[in-house]
N, C-alpha and C. Protein backbone atom coordinates (compact mmCIF):
# COMPACT_ATOMS: atom_id res chain seq x y z
N UNK A 1 -47.83 -16.82 -26.50
CA UNK A 1 -48.35 -15.57 -26.03
C UNK A 1 -47.22 -14.54 -26.05
N UNK A 2 -47.49 -13.41 -26.61
CA UNK A 2 -46.46 -12.38 -26.70
C UNK A 2 -46.61 -11.41 -25.54
N UNK A 3 -45.50 -10.85 -25.19
CA UNK A 3 -45.51 -9.87 -24.09
C UNK A 3 -45.85 -8.51 -24.66
N UNK A 4 -46.84 -7.90 -24.10
CA UNK A 4 -47.26 -6.58 -24.55
C UNK A 4 -46.50 -5.49 -23.83
N UNK A 5 -46.85 -4.24 -24.08
CA UNK A 5 -46.17 -3.12 -23.43
C UNK A 5 -46.30 -3.14 -21.92
N UNK A 6 -47.43 -3.69 -21.42
CA UNK A 6 -47.59 -3.70 -19.97
C UNK A 6 -46.59 -4.64 -19.30
N UNK A 7 -46.13 -5.67 -20.01
CA UNK A 7 -45.13 -6.59 -19.44
C UNK A 7 -43.78 -5.89 -19.30
N UNK A 8 -43.50 -4.98 -20.20
CA UNK A 8 -42.23 -4.26 -20.12
C UNK A 8 -42.21 -3.32 -18.93
N UNK A 9 -43.35 -2.78 -18.54
CA UNK A 9 -43.41 -1.86 -17.41
C UNK A 9 -43.17 -2.57 -16.09
N UNK A 10 -43.34 -3.88 -16.05
CA UNK A 10 -43.18 -4.63 -14.82
C UNK A 10 -41.73 -4.99 -14.53
N UNK A 11 -40.84 -4.73 -15.46
CA UNK A 11 -39.43 -5.05 -15.24
C UNK A 11 -38.86 -4.16 -14.15
N UNK A 12 -37.98 -4.73 -13.31
CA UNK A 12 -37.38 -3.89 -12.28
C UNK A 12 -36.46 -2.84 -12.91
N UNK A 13 -36.41 -1.69 -12.25
CA UNK A 13 -35.54 -0.63 -12.75
C UNK A 13 -34.08 -1.02 -12.60
N UNK A 14 -33.28 -0.66 -13.57
CA UNK A 14 -31.86 -0.96 -13.51
C UNK A 14 -31.15 0.10 -12.70
N UNK A 15 -30.07 -0.29 -12.06
CA UNK A 15 -29.24 0.63 -11.29
C UNK A 15 -28.47 1.49 -12.25
N UNK A 16 -28.65 2.78 -12.16
CA UNK A 16 -27.91 3.73 -13.00
C UNK A 16 -26.62 4.09 -12.28
N UNK A 17 -25.49 3.63 -12.84
CA UNK A 17 -24.21 3.84 -12.17
C UNK A 17 -23.85 5.30 -12.02
N UNK A 18 -24.39 6.15 -12.86
CA UNK A 18 -24.09 7.57 -12.75
C UNK A 18 -25.21 8.35 -12.09
N UNK A 19 -26.18 7.64 -11.57
CA UNK A 19 -27.35 8.29 -10.98
C UNK A 19 -27.05 8.93 -9.65
N UNK A 20 -27.96 9.79 -9.20
CA UNK A 20 -27.74 10.50 -7.94
C UNK A 20 -27.71 9.58 -6.73
N UNK A 21 -28.40 8.43 -6.80
CA UNK A 21 -28.39 7.51 -5.67
C UNK A 21 -26.98 6.98 -5.44
N UNK A 22 -26.30 6.60 -6.52
CA UNK A 22 -24.95 6.07 -6.40
C UNK A 22 -24.00 7.14 -5.86
N UNK A 23 -24.12 8.35 -6.35
CA UNK A 23 -23.24 9.43 -5.89
C UNK A 23 -23.46 9.71 -4.42
N UNK A 24 -24.70 9.62 -3.96
CA UNK A 24 -25.01 9.82 -2.55
C UNK A 24 -24.36 8.74 -1.70
N UNK A 25 -24.42 7.51 -2.17
CA UNK A 25 -23.82 6.40 -1.43
C UNK A 25 -22.31 6.49 -1.45
N UNK A 26 -21.73 6.80 -2.59
CA UNK A 26 -20.27 6.93 -2.69
C UNK A 26 -19.77 8.02 -1.76
N UNK A 27 -20.51 9.10 -1.65
CA UNK A 27 -20.12 10.21 -0.80
C UNK A 27 -20.49 10.04 0.66
N UNK A 28 -20.90 8.86 1.04
CA UNK A 28 -21.29 8.53 2.43
C UNK A 28 -22.39 9.45 2.94
N UNK A 29 -23.27 9.85 2.04
CA UNK A 29 -24.40 10.67 2.46
C UNK A 29 -24.11 12.14 2.55
N UNK A 30 -22.86 12.54 2.36
CA UNK A 30 -22.53 13.96 2.39
C UNK A 30 -22.87 14.53 1.03
N UNK A 31 -23.63 15.59 1.03
CA UNK A 31 -24.11 16.13 -0.24
C UNK A 31 -23.25 17.22 -0.83
N UNK A 32 -22.37 17.79 -0.04
CA UNK A 32 -21.53 18.87 -0.55
C UNK A 32 -20.16 18.78 0.09
N UNK A 33 -19.21 19.42 -0.57
CA UNK A 33 -17.90 19.54 0.04
C UNK A 33 -18.04 20.37 1.30
N UNK A 34 -17.38 19.98 2.34
CA UNK A 34 -17.55 20.63 3.63
C UNK A 34 -16.67 21.83 3.83
N UNK A 35 -15.86 21.77 4.85
CA UNK A 35 -15.14 22.94 5.31
C UNK A 35 -13.91 23.28 4.47
N UNK A 36 -13.46 22.39 3.62
CA UNK A 36 -12.25 22.66 2.84
C UNK A 36 -12.61 23.34 1.53
N UNK A 37 -12.23 24.57 1.42
CA UNK A 37 -12.48 25.28 0.17
C UNK A 37 -11.20 25.38 -0.65
N UNK A 38 -10.11 24.81 -0.14
CA UNK A 38 -8.84 24.93 -0.85
C UNK A 38 -8.66 23.84 -1.91
N UNK A 39 -9.60 22.93 -2.05
CA UNK A 39 -9.52 21.92 -3.10
C UNK A 39 -10.16 22.46 -4.36
N UNK A 40 -9.36 22.59 -5.40
CA UNK A 40 -9.92 22.97 -6.69
C UNK A 40 -9.44 21.98 -7.74
N UNK A 41 -9.72 22.23 -8.99
CA UNK A 41 -9.41 21.27 -10.04
C UNK A 41 -7.93 20.97 -10.19
N UNK A 42 -7.07 21.92 -9.86
CA UNK A 42 -5.63 21.73 -10.06
C UNK A 42 -4.87 21.40 -8.79
N UNK A 43 -5.56 21.25 -7.67
CA UNK A 43 -4.89 20.86 -6.43
C UNK A 43 -4.32 19.46 -6.61
N UNK A 44 -3.08 19.28 -6.22
CA UNK A 44 -2.42 17.98 -6.36
C UNK A 44 -2.64 17.14 -5.12
N UNK A 45 -2.94 15.88 -5.33
CA UNK A 45 -3.22 14.94 -4.24
C UNK A 45 -2.15 13.85 -4.26
N UNK A 46 -1.60 13.55 -3.08
CA UNK A 46 -0.57 12.51 -2.94
C UNK A 46 -0.97 11.61 -1.79
N UNK A 47 -0.86 10.29 -1.99
CA UNK A 47 -1.18 9.33 -0.93
C UNK A 47 -0.09 9.35 0.13
N UNK A 48 -0.49 9.13 1.37
CA UNK A 48 0.44 9.10 2.49
C UNK A 48 0.61 7.70 3.05
N UNK A 49 0.00 6.72 2.45
CA UNK A 49 0.09 5.36 2.95
C UNK A 49 -0.62 4.40 2.02
N UNK A 50 -1.05 3.29 2.58
CA UNK A 50 -1.76 2.28 1.81
C UNK A 50 -3.22 2.24 2.27
N UNK A 51 -4.10 1.80 1.39
CA UNK A 51 -5.51 1.76 1.78
C UNK A 51 -5.78 0.70 2.83
N UNK A 52 -6.73 1.00 3.71
CA UNK A 52 -7.14 0.06 4.74
C UNK A 52 -8.22 -0.88 4.22
N UNK A 53 -8.41 -1.97 4.90
CA UNK A 53 -9.41 -2.95 4.46
C UNK A 53 -10.83 -2.48 4.72
N UNK A 54 -11.00 -1.48 5.58
CA UNK A 54 -12.34 -1.00 5.90
C UNK A 54 -12.78 0.18 5.03
N UNK A 55 -11.99 0.52 4.02
CA UNK A 55 -12.30 1.66 3.17
C UNK A 55 -13.27 1.29 2.05
N UNK A 56 -14.00 2.30 1.59
CA UNK A 56 -14.83 2.14 0.41
C UNK A 56 -13.90 1.91 -0.79
N UNK A 57 -14.39 1.24 -1.82
CA UNK A 57 -13.55 1.00 -3.01
C UNK A 57 -13.04 2.29 -3.65
N UNK A 58 -13.86 3.34 -3.64
CA UNK A 58 -13.44 4.60 -4.24
C UNK A 58 -12.30 5.23 -3.46
N UNK A 59 -12.35 5.16 -2.13
CA UNK A 59 -11.26 5.69 -1.31
C UNK A 59 -9.98 4.91 -1.58
N UNK A 60 -10.08 3.59 -1.63
CA UNK A 60 -8.90 2.76 -1.90
C UNK A 60 -8.34 3.05 -3.29
N UNK A 61 -9.21 3.25 -4.27
CA UNK A 61 -8.75 3.56 -5.62
C UNK A 61 -7.99 4.88 -5.66
N UNK A 62 -8.47 5.86 -4.93
CA UNK A 62 -7.78 7.15 -4.89
C UNK A 62 -6.39 6.98 -4.30
N UNK A 63 -6.29 6.24 -3.21
CA UNK A 63 -4.98 6.05 -2.57
C UNK A 63 -4.04 5.27 -3.49
N UNK A 64 -4.57 4.26 -4.18
CA UNK A 64 -3.73 3.49 -5.10
C UNK A 64 -3.20 4.35 -6.25
N UNK A 65 -4.06 5.21 -6.81
CA UNK A 65 -3.64 5.98 -7.98
C UNK A 65 -2.79 7.20 -7.63
N UNK A 66 -2.76 7.59 -6.37
CA UNK A 66 -2.04 8.80 -5.99
C UNK A 66 -0.66 8.52 -5.40
N UNK A 67 0.02 7.51 -5.90
CA UNK A 67 1.41 7.28 -5.48
C UNK A 67 2.29 8.43 -5.95
N UNK A 68 1.90 9.06 -7.02
CA UNK A 68 2.55 10.28 -7.50
C UNK A 68 1.46 11.33 -7.61
N UNK A 69 1.81 12.60 -7.57
CA UNK A 69 0.77 13.66 -7.53
C UNK A 69 -0.17 13.62 -8.72
N UNK A 70 -1.45 13.66 -8.42
CA UNK A 70 -2.50 13.77 -9.43
C UNK A 70 -3.41 14.93 -9.04
N UNK A 71 -3.92 15.63 -10.03
CA UNK A 71 -4.85 16.72 -9.74
C UNK A 71 -6.24 16.17 -9.45
N UNK A 72 -7.05 16.98 -8.82
CA UNK A 72 -8.42 16.61 -8.52
C UNK A 72 -9.17 16.29 -9.82
N UNK A 73 -8.91 17.05 -10.87
CA UNK A 73 -9.56 16.82 -12.16
C UNK A 73 -9.17 15.46 -12.73
N UNK A 74 -7.89 15.09 -12.62
CA UNK A 74 -7.45 13.79 -13.13
C UNK A 74 -8.09 12.64 -12.35
N UNK A 75 -8.16 12.78 -11.04
CA UNK A 75 -8.78 11.74 -10.22
C UNK A 75 -10.25 11.59 -10.60
N UNK A 76 -10.92 12.71 -10.81
CA UNK A 76 -12.32 12.69 -11.22
C UNK A 76 -12.48 11.96 -12.56
N UNK A 77 -11.59 12.22 -13.48
CA UNK A 77 -11.66 11.58 -14.80
C UNK A 77 -11.39 10.08 -14.69
N UNK A 78 -10.38 9.70 -13.94
CA UNK A 78 -10.05 8.28 -13.80
C UNK A 78 -11.17 7.49 -13.12
N UNK A 79 -11.81 8.09 -12.12
CA UNK A 79 -12.88 7.41 -11.40
C UNK A 79 -14.23 7.52 -12.11
N UNK A 80 -14.31 8.41 -13.11
CA UNK A 80 -15.55 8.68 -13.82
C UNK A 80 -16.65 9.12 -12.87
N UNK A 81 -16.26 10.02 -11.97
CA UNK A 81 -17.20 10.60 -11.01
C UNK A 81 -17.14 12.12 -11.13
N UNK A 82 -18.23 12.81 -10.80
CA UNK A 82 -18.20 14.27 -10.84
C UNK A 82 -17.18 14.84 -9.85
N UNK A 83 -16.65 15.99 -10.15
CA UNK A 83 -15.65 16.63 -9.30
C UNK A 83 -16.21 16.87 -7.91
N UNK A 84 -17.48 17.22 -7.81
CA UNK A 84 -18.07 17.47 -6.49
C UNK A 84 -18.05 16.22 -5.62
N UNK A 85 -18.32 15.07 -6.21
CA UNK A 85 -18.29 13.81 -5.46
C UNK A 85 -16.87 13.45 -5.08
N UNK A 86 -15.93 13.65 -6.00
CA UNK A 86 -14.53 13.36 -5.71
C UNK A 86 -14.02 14.26 -4.60
N UNK A 87 -14.45 15.51 -4.59
CA UNK A 87 -14.05 16.43 -3.54
C UNK A 87 -14.51 15.94 -2.17
N UNK A 88 -15.72 15.42 -2.09
CA UNK A 88 -16.23 14.86 -0.83
C UNK A 88 -15.38 13.67 -0.41
N UNK A 89 -15.04 12.80 -1.36
CA UNK A 89 -14.19 11.64 -1.05
C UNK A 89 -12.81 12.09 -0.57
N UNK A 90 -12.25 13.08 -1.24
CA UNK A 90 -10.92 13.58 -0.86
C UNK A 90 -10.94 14.21 0.52
N UNK A 91 -12.00 14.92 0.85
CA UNK A 91 -12.09 15.53 2.18
C UNK A 91 -12.12 14.46 3.27
N UNK A 92 -12.81 13.36 3.01
CA UNK A 92 -12.84 12.26 3.97
C UNK A 92 -11.43 11.69 4.15
N UNK A 93 -10.72 11.52 3.05
CA UNK A 93 -9.35 10.99 3.14
C UNK A 93 -8.40 11.99 3.79
N UNK A 94 -8.61 13.28 3.54
CA UNK A 94 -7.79 14.30 4.19
C UNK A 94 -8.03 14.32 5.70
N UNK A 95 -9.29 14.19 6.10
CA UNK A 95 -9.61 14.16 7.53
C UNK A 95 -8.94 12.99 8.23
N UNK A 96 -8.81 11.87 7.52
CA UNK A 96 -8.16 10.69 8.10
C UNK A 96 -6.66 10.66 7.88
N UNK A 97 -6.08 11.72 7.31
CA UNK A 97 -4.64 11.82 7.02
C UNK A 97 -4.14 10.70 6.11
N UNK A 98 -5.00 10.25 5.19
CA UNK A 98 -4.59 9.21 4.25
C UNK A 98 -3.94 9.81 3.00
N UNK A 99 -4.26 11.08 2.73
CA UNK A 99 -3.69 11.77 1.57
C UNK A 99 -3.23 13.15 2.00
N UNK A 100 -2.48 13.77 1.10
CA UNK A 100 -2.00 15.13 1.33
C UNK A 100 -2.37 15.97 0.11
N UNK A 101 -2.87 17.17 0.35
CA UNK A 101 -3.22 18.09 -0.73
C UNK A 101 -2.13 19.14 -0.84
N UNK A 102 -1.66 19.34 -2.05
CA UNK A 102 -0.60 20.31 -2.30
C UNK A 102 -1.08 21.34 -3.31
N UNK A 103 -0.58 22.53 -3.14
CA UNK A 103 -0.87 23.57 -4.13
C UNK A 103 -0.21 23.20 -5.45
N UNK A 104 -0.83 23.53 -6.55
CA UNK A 104 -0.22 23.21 -7.84
C UNK A 104 1.09 23.96 -8.03
N UNK A 105 1.93 23.39 -8.87
CA UNK A 105 3.20 24.05 -9.16
C UNK A 105 2.92 25.38 -9.84
N UNK A 106 3.67 26.41 -9.48
CA UNK A 106 3.42 27.71 -10.13
C UNK A 106 3.75 27.65 -11.62
N UNK A 107 2.95 28.34 -12.38
CA UNK A 107 3.20 28.37 -13.82
C UNK A 107 4.43 29.22 -14.11
N UNK A 108 5.14 28.82 -15.11
CA UNK A 108 6.33 29.57 -15.49
C UNK A 108 5.92 30.91 -16.07
N UNK A 109 6.66 31.91 -15.73
CA UNK A 109 6.37 33.24 -16.28
C UNK A 109 6.95 33.31 -17.68
N UNK A 110 6.28 34.03 -18.51
CA UNK A 110 6.75 34.18 -19.89
C UNK A 110 7.98 35.07 -19.92
N UNK A 111 8.92 34.74 -20.78
CA UNK A 111 10.11 35.59 -20.88
C UNK A 111 9.74 36.96 -21.45
N UNK A 112 10.61 37.89 -21.20
CA UNK A 112 10.41 39.25 -21.68
C UNK A 112 10.34 39.26 -23.20
N UNK A 113 9.42 40.02 -23.76
CA UNK A 113 9.23 40.11 -25.21
C UNK A 113 10.49 40.61 -25.90
N UNK A 114 11.23 41.50 -25.26
CA UNK A 114 12.46 42.04 -25.86
C UNK A 114 13.51 40.95 -26.03
N UNK A 115 13.59 40.05 -25.08
CA UNK A 115 14.55 38.95 -25.18
C UNK A 115 14.16 38.02 -26.33
N UNK A 116 12.88 37.73 -26.46
CA UNK A 116 12.43 36.88 -27.56
C UNK A 116 12.72 37.52 -28.91
N UNK A 117 12.49 38.83 -29.02
CA UNK A 117 12.78 39.53 -30.28
C UNK A 117 14.27 39.52 -30.58
N UNK A 118 15.10 39.68 -29.56
CA UNK A 118 16.54 39.66 -29.77
C UNK A 118 17.01 38.28 -30.24
N UNK A 119 16.46 37.24 -29.66
CA UNK A 119 16.81 35.88 -30.08
C UNK A 119 16.35 35.64 -31.51
N UNK A 120 15.15 36.09 -31.83
CA UNK A 120 14.62 35.90 -33.17
C UNK A 120 15.49 36.63 -34.21
N UNK A 121 15.88 37.87 -33.92
CA UNK A 121 16.74 38.62 -34.85
C UNK A 121 18.11 37.95 -34.96
N UNK A 122 18.64 37.45 -33.86
CA UNK A 122 19.91 36.77 -33.91
C UNK A 122 19.86 35.52 -34.77
N UNK A 123 18.77 34.77 -34.68
CA UNK A 123 18.63 33.58 -35.51
C UNK A 123 18.45 33.92 -36.99
N UNK A 124 17.74 35.01 -37.26
CA UNK A 124 17.54 35.43 -38.64
C UNK A 124 18.86 35.89 -39.27
N UNK A 125 19.76 36.43 -38.48
CA UNK A 125 21.04 36.92 -39.00
C UNK A 125 22.02 35.79 -39.26
N UNK A 126 21.74 34.62 -38.79
CA UNK A 126 22.67 33.48 -39.03
C UNK A 126 22.68 33.03 -40.44
């Protein structure tokens, strides 16, 4: 006896790892980033200790990977989670003083165009 199309409909639904249900659970039911608006894609995150045994796996992973400064965007990419979900996780860790958020390093200012032209002319004269 062959299984028809109706037999395929009876299969249980598979858990979609990227689905909204998983993101809701990972974020502990918090649907949006809360009171911290200073976390953006380039904010650097540094761990302040070691993960506890009572932490969610995602929280522990963030603490493990942040031994050196990582941006919010990098953490999101490594965890393969949306930035909004990672922001919720980071806020939970910030509230518990498990991590520290730092402003990104300032970008270097471009040198004066006149200095670049003088260097270029000097090199051409060699």
